[in-house]
Amino acid sequence: MSNEFANLETPSVQARVDPSTATLGDLISLDIRVTHSPALQIDAPDLSKTLGNFEVYASTRLAGQVNGEKAVEQFQASLQNFT
């Protein structure tokens, strides 16, 4: 590991679901936000067709933003529970 990357701040990850409660068949939005140094490249999460008990209905990478020494990547997935 080069010294350049060793001195970078650790990325932070936040995840949120909306709504927080749902019934069978409801769509649930999963939002993932990664704040990191612009020197790092963040890959999109590898979401298969299922995530636990949920089916991944759709997923996308939203436009990233750079603000000074911080970059923000955002990902969104629509989940549906059928069990």
N, C-alpha and C. Protein backbone atom coordinates (compact mmCIF):
# COMPACT_ATOMS: atom_id res chain seq x y z
N MET A 1 0.86 -1.17 0.00
CA MET A 1 0.00 0.00 0.00
C MET A 1 0.90 1.23 0.00
N SER A 2 0.63 2.15 -0.89
CA SER A 2 1.44 3.36 -0.94
C SER A 2 1.06 4.28 0.22
N ASN A 3 1.97 5.16 0.57
CA ASN A 3 1.69 6.11 1.65
C ASN A 3 0.54 7.04 1.31
N GLU A 4 0.34 7.30 0.02
CA GLU A 4 -0.74 8.19 -0.41
C GLU A 4 -2.10 7.66 0.05
N PHE A 5 -2.34 6.37 -0.10
CA PHE A 5 -3.62 5.79 0.29
C PHE A 5 -3.69 5.49 1.78
N ALA A 6 -2.56 5.25 2.40
CA ALA A 6 -2.55 4.96 3.84
C ALA A 6 -3.02 6.15 4.66
N ASN A 7 -2.85 7.35 4.14
CA ASN A 7 -3.22 8.57 4.87
C ASN A 7 -4.64 9.04 4.58
N LEU A 8 -5.37 8.32 3.75
CA LEU A 8 -6.74 8.73 3.42
C LEU A 8 -7.70 8.38 4.55
N GLU A 9 -8.70 9.21 4.71
CA GLU A 9 -9.73 8.95 5.71
C GLU A 9 -10.57 7.74 5.29
N THR A 10 -10.97 6.94 6.24
CA THR A 10 -11.79 5.77 5.97
C THR A 10 -13.15 6.20 5.43
N PRO A 11 -13.63 5.59 4.35
CA PRO A 11 -14.96 5.94 3.84
C PRO A 11 -16.04 5.64 4.88
N SER A 12 -17.13 6.38 4.84
CA SER A 12 -18.27 6.09 5.71
C SER A 12 -19.45 5.67 4.83
N VAL A 13 -20.23 4.73 5.35
CA VAL A 13 -21.37 4.20 4.61
C VAL A 13 -22.62 4.37 5.47
N GLN A 14 -23.66 4.90 4.85
CA GLN A 14 -24.95 5.05 5.51
C GLN A 14 -26.00 4.35 4.64
N ALA A 15 -26.91 3.64 5.28
CA ALA A 15 -27.99 2.97 4.56
C ALA A 15 -29.31 3.33 5.25
N ARG A 16 -30.35 3.45 4.43
CA ARG A 16 -31.66 3.81 4.95
C ARG A 16 -32.72 3.11 4.11
N VAL A 17 -33.78 2.67 4.77
CA VAL A 17 -34.91 2.08 4.05
C VAL A 17 -36.15 2.93 4.29
N ASP A 18 -37.02 2.95 3.28
CA ASP A 18 -38.25 3.72 3.38
C ASP A 18 -39.34 2.98 2.59
N PRO A 19 -40.44 2.65 3.18
CA PRO A 19 -40.83 2.89 4.56
C PRO A 19 -40.12 1.91 5.50
N SER A 20 -40.15 2.21 6.78
CA SER A 20 -39.48 1.36 7.76
C SER A 20 -40.29 0.10 8.08
N THR A 21 -41.58 0.12 7.78
CA THR A 21 -42.42 -1.08 7.91
C THR A 21 -43.22 -1.22 6.62
N ALA A 22 -43.48 -2.47 6.25
CA ALA A 22 -44.21 -2.73 5.01
C ALA A 22 -44.96 -4.04 5.13
N THR A 23 -45.93 -4.23 4.25
CA THR A 23 -46.66 -5.48 4.21
C THR A 23 -46.23 -6.26 2.97
N LEU A 24 -46.63 -7.50 2.90
CA LEU A 24 -46.27 -8.40 1.82
C LEU A 24 -46.53 -7.75 0.46
N GLY A 25 -45.51 -7.71 -0.39
CA GLY A 25 -45.65 -7.18 -1.74
C GLY A 25 -45.35 -5.70 -1.88
N ASP A 26 -45.22 -4.96 -0.78
CA ASP A 26 -44.90 -3.53 -0.86
C ASP A 26 -43.48 -3.32 -1.39
N LEU A 27 -43.28 -2.26 -2.14
CA LEU A 27 -41.94 -1.87 -2.56
C LEU A 27 -41.27 -1.08 -1.44
N ILE A 28 -40.02 -1.40 -1.18
CA ILE A 28 -39.23 -0.72 -0.16
C ILE A 28 -38.01 -0.12 -0.84
N SER A 29 -37.71 1.13 -0.57
CA SER A 29 -36.56 1.81 -1.15
C SER A 29 -35.36 1.67 -0.21
N LEU A 30 -34.26 1.15 -0.72
CA LEU A 30 -33.00 1.06 0.02
C LEU A 30 -32.05 2.09 -0.57
N ASP A 31 -31.65 3.06 0.25
CA ASP A 31 -30.71 4.09 -0.19
C ASP A 31 -29.38 3.88 0.51
N ILE A 32 -28.29 3.86 -0.26
CA ILE A 32 -26.94 3.68 0.27
C ILE A 32 -26.13 4.90 -0.14
N ARG A 33 -25.44 5.48 0.84
CA ARG A 33 -24.64 6.69 0.61
C ARG A 33 -23.23 6.44 1.13
N VAL A 34 -22.23 6.63 0.27
CA VAL A 34 -20.83 6.42 0.64
C VAL A 34 -20.11 7.76 0.53
N THR A 35 -19.54 8.23 1.64
CA THR A 35 -18.75 9.46 1.66
C THR A 35 -17.28 9.03 1.75
N HIS A 36 -16.45 9.59 0.86
CA HIS A 36 -15.07 9.12 0.75
C HIS A 36 -14.16 10.18 0.14
N SER A 37 -12.89 9.89 0.13
CA SER A 37 -11.92 10.76 -0.53
C SER A 37 -12.10 10.63 -2.04
N PRO A 38 -11.99 11.73 -2.79
CA PRO A 38 -12.10 11.64 -4.24
C PRO A 38 -11.00 10.77 -4.87
N ALA A 39 -9.94 10.47 -4.13
CA ALA A 39 -8.87 9.62 -4.65
C ALA A 39 -9.30 8.16 -4.75
N LEU A 40 -10.39 7.79 -4.08
CA LEU A 40 -10.89 6.42 -4.11
C LEU A 40 -11.99 6.26 -5.15
N GLN A 41 -12.03 5.08 -5.74
CA GLN A 41 -13.12 4.74 -6.67
C GLN A 41 -14.04 3.76 -5.95
N ILE A 42 -15.31 4.07 -5.91
CA ILE A 42 -16.29 3.24 -5.22
C ILE A 42 -17.10 2.47 -6.27
N ASP A 43 -17.12 1.15 -6.15
CA ASP A 43 -17.91 0.32 -7.05
C ASP A 43 -19.33 0.22 -6.53
N ALA A 44 -20.27 0.04 -7.43
CA ALA A 44 -21.67 -0.15 -7.05
C ALA A 44 -21.80 -1.47 -6.30
N PRO A 45 -22.72 -1.55 -5.35
CA PRO A 45 -22.95 -2.82 -4.66
C PRO A 45 -23.38 -3.89 -5.65
N ASP A 46 -22.91 -5.08 -5.44
CA ASP A 46 -23.28 -6.21 -6.29
C ASP A 46 -24.55 -6.84 -5.72
N LEU A 47 -25.69 -6.33 -6.14
CA LEU A 47 -26.97 -6.83 -5.66
C LEU A 47 -27.45 -7.92 -6.61
N SER A 48 -27.57 -9.12 -6.08
CA SER A 48 -28.11 -10.21 -6.89
C SER A 48 -29.63 -10.05 -6.96
N LYS A 49 -30.31 -11.08 -7.41
CA LYS A 49 -31.77 -10.99 -7.52
C LYS A 49 -32.46 -10.99 -6.18
N THR A 50 -31.77 -11.44 -5.13
CA THR A 50 -32.36 -11.43 -3.80
C THR A 50 -31.39 -10.82 -2.81
N LEU A 51 -31.94 -10.24 -1.77
CA LEU A 51 -31.19 -9.67 -0.66
C LEU A 51 -31.92 -10.10 0.61
N GLY A 52 -31.42 -11.18 1.22
CA GLY A 52 -32.14 -11.76 2.36
C GLY A 52 -33.47 -12.30 1.90
N ASN A 53 -34.56 -11.89 2.55
CA ASN A 53 -35.91 -12.32 2.17
C ASN A 53 -36.54 -11.45 1.09
N PHE A 54 -35.79 -10.51 0.55
CA PHE A 54 -36.34 -9.55 -0.40
C PHE A 54 -35.85 -9.83 -1.82
N GLU A 55 -36.73 -9.58 -2.77
CA GLU A 55 -36.35 -9.62 -4.18
C GLU A 55 -35.89 -8.22 -4.57
N VAL A 56 -34.79 -8.13 -5.30
CA VAL A 56 -34.31 -6.83 -5.79
C VAL A 56 -35.07 -6.55 -7.09
N TYR A 57 -36.00 -5.62 -7.00
CA TYR A 57 -36.88 -5.26 -8.12
C TYR A 57 -36.12 -4.41 -9.14
N ALA A 58 -35.32 -3.46 -8.65
CA ALA A 58 -34.52 -2.58 -9.51
C ALA A 58 -33.41 -1.97 -8.67
N SER A 59 -32.31 -1.60 -9.33
CA SER A 59 -31.24 -0.89 -8.62
C SER A 59 -30.53 0.05 -9.58
N THR A 60 -30.00 1.14 -9.03
CA THR A 60 -29.33 2.13 -9.86
C THR A 60 -28.26 2.87 -9.06
N ARG A 61 -27.31 3.41 -9.78
CA ARG A 61 -26.30 4.30 -9.21
C ARG A 61 -26.73 5.72 -9.55
N LEU A 62 -26.82 6.57 -8.54
CA LEU A 62 -27.19 7.97 -8.77
C LEU A 62 -25.93 8.78 -9.06
N ALA A 63 -26.09 9.97 -9.56
CA ALA A 63 -24.95 10.82 -9.89
C ALA A 63 -24.12 11.13 -8.65
N GLY A 64 -22.81 10.97 -8.75
CA GLY A 64 -21.92 11.27 -7.64
C GLY A 64 -21.66 12.77 -7.53
N GLN A 65 -21.17 13.19 -6.37
CA GLN A 65 -20.88 14.60 -6.13
C GLN A 65 -19.51 14.71 -5.47
N VAL A 66 -18.77 15.74 -5.84
CA VAL A 66 -17.49 16.04 -5.20
C VAL A 66 -17.59 17.43 -4.61
N ASN A 67 -17.24 17.54 -3.31
CA ASN A 67 -17.29 18.82 -2.63
C ASN A 67 -15.99 18.98 -1.86
N GLY A 68 -15.01 19.61 -2.48
CA GLY A 68 -13.71 19.79 -1.83
C GLY A 68 -12.99 18.48 -1.64
N GLU A 69 -12.73 18.12 -0.39
CA GLU A 69 -11.97 16.90 -0.10
C GLU A 69 -12.87 15.70 0.16
N LYS A 70 -14.16 15.81 -0.12
CA LYS A 70 -15.11 14.71 0.08
C LYS A 70 -15.86 14.44 -1.23
N ALA A 71 -16.09 13.17 -1.48
CA ALA A 71 -16.93 12.75 -2.60
C ALA A 71 -18.06 11.91 -2.02
N VAL A 72 -19.21 11.95 -2.67
CA VAL A 72 -20.37 11.19 -2.21
C VAL A 72 -20.90 10.39 -3.39
N GLU A 73 -21.04 9.09 -3.18
CA GLU A 73 -21.66 8.19 -4.16
C GLU A 73 -22.97 7.71 -3.56
N GLN A 74 -24.01 7.63 -4.39
CA GLN A 74 -25.31 7.19 -3.89
C GLN A 74 -25.85 6.08 -4.78
N PHE A 75 -26.44 5.10 -4.12
CA PHE A 75 -27.02 3.96 -4.81
C PHE A 75 -28.43 3.76 -4.26
N GLN A 76 -29.32 3.29 -5.12
CA GLN A 76 -30.70 3.09 -4.69
C GLN A 76 -31.20 1.76 -5.26
N ALA A 77 -31.93 1.03 -4.44
CA ALA A 77 -32.54 -0.23 -4.88
C ALA A 77 -33.99 -0.27 -4.40
N SER A 78 -34.83 -0.87 -5.22
CA SER A 78 -36.22 -1.13 -4.84
C SER A 78 -36.32 -2.61 -4.50
N LEU A 79 -36.80 -2.90 -3.29
CA LEU A 79 -36.90 -4.26 -2.80
C LEU A 79 -38.37 -4.62 -2.60
N GLN A 80 -38.67 -5.91 -2.76
CA GLN A 80 -40.04 -6.36 -2.55
C GLN A 80 -39.99 -7.69 -1.81
N ASN A 81 -40.84 -7.83 -0.79
CA ASN A 81 -40.89 -9.05 0.01
C ASN A 81 -42.09 -9.89 -0.40
N PHE A 82 -41.80 -11.14 -0.75
CA PHE A 82 -42.89 -12.05 -1.14
C PHE A 82 -43.05 -13.22 -0.20
N THR A 83 -42.30 -13.20 0.94
CA THR A 83 -42.40 -14.34 1.88
C THR A 83 -42.89 -13.87 3.22
